[in-house]
């Protein structure tokens, strides 16, 4: 790739396939900005809960997404999410709670949210090289991305990963986490707006049984 040209690498795939971990590591390796689009939807979901806006209140949702501010900042290798419609609040940990996770799929399917977040994501990527990850980055947000990848893995392995990554899931069995992931896969794949699908020009990589370093190396080679 031409180092003087701004590059967009988009990574898509279902929950627990390793998108965020791989995208973060690849961005670090290439010296690009890591854009976690899923965190944006989680921030909106948190804001809706804080304000008490019901998901069926289209006017209230539209007003919130127009008013709320979402900002990324870096602290070493960790990306922080700031949220505010007044004073900003660091919500990096708060957006990962079970309460937010339980509604984020529904929130991300709302047209007003989807439209606003897509515009914001494109704005963040404007004029800079990024590695963006999310469930529609290769098909809707960045359909003209320079490189597209779709990461997947067997359901049981995705459940084990998710359970080990999230302390709040320790009380659940792998089977219970797998059932929740399967339900979200179904919602994301069948929603009318920006469904989870494999882009025709995406490189599909099954990460089952493959370590992080190996996956990142393969993607880096594809991007060379």
Protein backbone atom coordinates (compact mmCIF):
# COMPACT_ATOMS: atom_id res chain seq x y z
CA UNK A 1 0.00 0.00 0.00
CA UNK A 2 1.09 3.58 -0.69
CA UNK A 3 2.05 5.03 2.72
CA UNK A 4 1.13 8.54 1.55
CA UNK A 5 -2.46 7.58 0.72
CA UNK A 6 -5.16 7.33 3.37
CA UNK A 7 -6.22 3.71 3.76
CA UNK A 8 -9.45 2.20 5.11
CA UNK A 9 -9.40 -1.42 6.28
CA UNK A 10 -12.83 -2.75 7.28
CA UNK A 11 -13.36 -5.84 9.43
CA UNK A 12 -16.79 -7.40 9.74
CA UNK A 13 -18.19 -10.53 11.34
CA UNK A 14 -20.46 -11.92 14.07
CA UNK A 15 -20.14 -11.50 17.82
CA UNK A 16 -17.15 -13.22 19.40
CA UNK A 17 -15.24 -13.77 16.16
CA UNK A 18 -12.38 -11.59 17.37
CA UNK A 19 -13.10 -8.44 15.36
CA UNK A 20 -12.21 -5.90 18.04
CA UNK A 21 -9.08 -7.69 19.27
CA UNK A 22 -7.78 -8.31 15.76
CA UNK A 23 -8.66 -4.82 14.51
CA UNK A 24 -6.96 -3.16 17.49
CA UNK A 25 -3.80 -5.25 17.03
CA UNK A 26 -3.74 -4.70 13.27
CA UNK A 27 -4.17 -0.94 13.69
CA UNK A 28 -1.30 -0.89 16.17
CA UNK A 29 0.90 -2.91 13.80
CA UNK A 30 0.15 -0.61 10.84
CA UNK A 31 0.14 2.64 12.80
CA UNK A 32 -3.50 3.32 11.85
CA UNK A 33 -6.41 4.64 13.92
CA UNK A 34 -8.57 1.89 15.44
CA UNK A 35 -12.27 2.67 14.92
CA UNK A 36 -14.57 0.55 17.09
CA UNK A 37 -17.98 1.22 15.52
CA UNK A 38 -19.74 -1.12 17.94
CA UNK A 39 -18.65 1.05 20.85
CA UNK A 40 -20.54 3.95 19.28
CA UNK A 41 -23.80 2.00 19.27
CA UNK A 42 -23.16 0.90 22.83
CA UNK A 43 -22.66 4.55 23.81
CA UNK A 44 -25.99 5.47 22.26
CA UNK A 45 -27.66 2.54 24.03
CA UNK A 46 -26.23 3.78 27.33
CA UNK A 47 -27.40 7.32 26.63
CA UNK A 48 -30.92 6.07 25.90
CA UNK A 49 -31.00 4.21 29.22
CA UNK A 50 -29.66 7.23 31.11
CA UNK A 51 -32.34 9.49 29.63
CA UNK A 52 -35.09 6.91 29.93
CA UNK A 53 -35.90 7.07 26.22
CA UNK A 54 -37.90 4.05 25.05
CA UNK A 55 -36.69 2.27 21.90
CA UNK A 56 -40.13 2.70 20.36
CA UNK A 57 -40.04 6.48 20.84
CA UNK A 58 -38.78 7.43 17.38
CA UNK A 59 -38.91 11.16 18.06
CA UNK A 60 -37.05 10.81 21.35
CA UNK A 61 -34.39 8.56 19.82
CA UNK A 62 -33.86 10.93 16.89
CA UNK A 63 -33.54 13.90 19.25
CA UNK A 64 -30.99 12.08 21.42
CA UNK A 65 -28.72 11.01 18.55
CA UNK A 66 -28.75 14.57 17.24
CA UNK A 67 -27.75 15.98 20.63
CA UNK A 68 -25.39 13.40 22.12
CA UNK A 69 -21.63 13.67 21.59
CA UNK A 70 -19.41 10.60 21.25
CA UNK A 71 -15.65 11.03 21.22
CA UNK A 72 -12.68 8.67 21.11
CA UNK A 73 -9.40 9.26 22.93
CA UNK A 74 -6.33 7.08 23.36
CA UNK A 75 -4.46 6.29 26.57
CA UNK A 76 -1.51 4.17 25.53
CA UNK A 77 -3.02 1.17 23.75
CA UNK A 78 -6.48 1.57 25.30
CA UNK A 79 -9.16 3.52 23.49
CA UNK A 80 -11.53 5.46 25.73
CA UNK A 81 -15.08 6.47 24.84
CA UNK A 82 -16.41 9.82 26.06
CA UNK A 83 -20.13 10.46 26.02
CA UNK A 84 -21.97 13.67 26.69
CA UNK A 85 -24.96 15.83 25.91
CA UNK A 86 -23.56 18.04 28.65
CA UNK A 87 -20.27 17.46 30.51
CA UNK A 88 -18.41 14.52 28.95
CA UNK A 89 -18.21 11.23 30.83
CA UNK A 90 -15.78 8.37 30.25
CA UNK A 91 -18.07 5.41 29.51
CA UNK A 92 -15.44 2.93 28.32
CA UNK A 93 -16.43 0.39 30.96
CA UNK A 94 -20.08 1.38 31.37
CA UNK A 95 -20.94 0.51 27.75
CA UNK A 96 -19.89 -3.13 28.35
CA UNK A 97 -22.41 -3.89 31.08
CA UNK A 98 -25.08 -6.61 30.59
CA UNK A 99 -27.78 -3.92 30.65
CA UNK A 100 -26.28 -2.21 27.60
CA UNK A 101 -25.41 -5.46 25.86
CA UNK A 102 -29.02 -6.64 26.17
CA UNK A 103 -30.35 -3.75 24.04
CA UNK A 104 -27.47 -2.73 21.77
CA UNK A 105 -28.58 -4.99 18.90
CA UNK A 106 -32.05 -3.39 18.96
CA UNK A 107 -30.58 0.11 19.24
CA UNK A 108 -28.25 -0.44 16.29
CA UNK A 109 -31.24 -1.44 14.13
CA UNK A 110 -33.04 1.89 14.66
CA UNK A 111 -32.90 4.00 11.45
CA UNK A 112 -32.16 7.30 13.22
CA UNK A 113 -29.29 5.75 15.16
CA UNK A 114 -27.89 3.90 12.15
CA UNK A 115 -27.92 6.99 9.93
CA UNK A 116 -26.27 9.23 12.54
CA UNK A 117 -23.59 6.70 13.52
CA UNK A 118 -22.72 5.86 9.91
CA UNK A 119 -22.15 9.55 9.19
CA UNK A 120 -20.09 9.93 12.36
CA UNK A 121 -17.96 6.87 11.54
CA UNK A 122 -17.23 8.16 8.06
CA UNK A 123 -16.35 11.52 9.53
CA UNK A 124 -13.88 9.98 11.98
CA UNK A 125 -12.19 8.14 9.09
CA UNK A 126 -12.04 11.17 6.82
CA UNK A 127 -8.48 12.15 5.96
CA UNK A 128 -6.76 9.41 7.98
CA UNK A 129 -5.88 5.73 7.72
CA UNK A 130 -8.11 3.53 9.86
CA UNK A 131 -8.87 -0.05 10.76
CA UNK A 132 -12.63 -0.08 11.35
CA UNK A 133 -14.53 -3.00 12.82
CA UNK A 134 -18.24 -3.62 13.10
CA UNK A 135 -21.15 -5.61 11.73
CA UNK A 136 -21.69 -3.49 8.61
CA UNK A 137 -18.37 -1.76 8.07
CA UNK A 138 -17.62 -3.68 4.85
CA UNK A 139 -21.09 -3.36 3.34
CA UNK A 140 -22.62 -0.06 4.46
CA UNK A 141 -20.20 2.22 6.30
CA UNK A 142 -17.15 1.71 4.08
CA UNK A 143 -18.33 -0.13 0.93
CA UNK A 144 -15.29 1.26 -0.92
CA UNK A 145 -12.76 0.19 1.74
CA UNK A 146 -9.29 -0.63 0.43
CA UNK A 147 -9.34 -4.01 2.19
CA UNK A 148 -12.31 -5.95 3.58
CA UNK A 149 -12.24 -8.90 5.94
CA UNK A 150 -15.02 -11.03 7.42
CA UNK A 151 -13.93 -12.87 10.56
CA UNK A 152 -15.90 -15.84 11.81
CA UNK A 153 -15.47 -18.84 14.13
CA UNK A 154 -17.48 -21.77 15.38
CA UNK A 155 -20.27 -20.76 17.77
CA UNK A 156 -18.89 -22.66 20.78
CA UNK A 157 -15.47 -21.06 20.41
CA UNK A 158 -17.01 -17.61 20.06
CA UNK A 159 -18.98 -18.24 23.25
CA UNK A 160 -15.86 -19.35 25.13
CA UNK A 161 -14.00 -16.26 24.01
CA UNK A 162 -16.81 -13.92 24.95
CA UNK A 163 -17.19 -15.53 28.37
CA UNK A 164 -13.45 -15.29 29.10
CA UNK A 165 -13.29 -11.66 27.96
CA UNK A 166 -16.27 -10.45 29.99
CA UNK A 167 -16.06 -10.92 33.79
CA UNK A 168 -19.77 -10.21 34.10
CA UNK A 169 -20.50 -13.42 32.15
CA UNK A 170 -18.59 -15.68 34.59
CA UNK A 171 -21.83 -16.89 36.19
CA UNK A 172 -23.18 -18.09 32.84
CA UNK A 173 -22.27 -21.37 31.19
CA UNK A 174 -20.67 -21.53 27.75
CA UNK A 175 -23.96 -22.96 26.47
CA UNK A 176 -25.93 -20.00 27.82
CA UNK A 177 -23.51 -17.49 26.28
CA UNK A 178 -23.66 -19.42 22.99
CA UNK A 179 -27.46 -19.21 22.99
CA UNK A 180 -27.31 -15.44 23.51
CA UNK A 181 -24.76 -15.04 20.71
CA UNK A 182 -26.84 -17.20 18.36
CA UNK A 183 -29.90 -15.06 19.09
CA UNK A 184 -27.97 -11.89 18.34
CA UNK A 185 -26.55 -13.42 15.14
CA UNK A 186 -30.13 -14.12 14.04
CA UNK A 187 -31.27 -10.56 14.83
CA UNK A 188 -28.29 -8.96 13.12
CA UNK A 189 -28.54 -11.17 10.04
CA UNK A 190 -32.27 -10.67 9.48
CA UNK A 191 -32.74 -7.00 10.37
CA UNK A 192 -34.04 -4.84 7.53
CA UNK A 193 -31.46 -2.09 7.95
CA UNK A 194 -27.74 -2.92 7.42
CA UNK A 195 -27.96 -6.67 8.08
CA UNK A 196 -24.89 -8.75 8.90
CA UNK A 197 -23.78 -10.27 5.57
CA UNK A 198 -20.50 -11.19 3.91
CA UNK A 199 -19.46 -8.56 1.37
CA UNK A 200 -18.77 -10.14 -2.04
CA UNK A 201 -15.22 -8.76 -2.09
CA UNK A 202 -14.35 -9.55 1.55
CA UNK A 203 -11.68 -12.06 2.52
CA UNK A 204 -13.33 -14.57 4.87
CA UNK A 205 -11.14 -15.90 7.69
CA UNK A 206 -12.26 -18.59 10.12
CA UNK A 207 -10.38 -17.87 13.36
CA UNK A 208 -11.37 -21.14 15.07
CA UNK A 209 -8.26 -22.54 16.74
CA UNK A 210 -6.03 -19.76 15.39
CA UNK A 211 -4.08 -17.44 17.69
CA UNK A 212 -4.28 -13.66 17.57
CA UNK A 213 -0.77 -13.17 16.21
CA UNK A 214 -1.38 -15.55 13.32
CA UNK A 215 -4.66 -13.88 12.37
CA UNK A 216 -3.12 -10.39 12.50
CA UNK A 217 -0.14 -11.54 10.43
CA UNK A 218 -2.43 -12.96 7.76
CA UNK A 219 -4.43 -9.73 7.55
CA UNK A 220 -1.26 -7.65 7.44
CA UNK A 221 0.02 -9.76 4.54
CA UNK A 222 -3.27 -9.29 2.71
CA UNK A 223 -2.89 -5.53 3.20
CA UNK A 224 0.72 -5.35 1.98
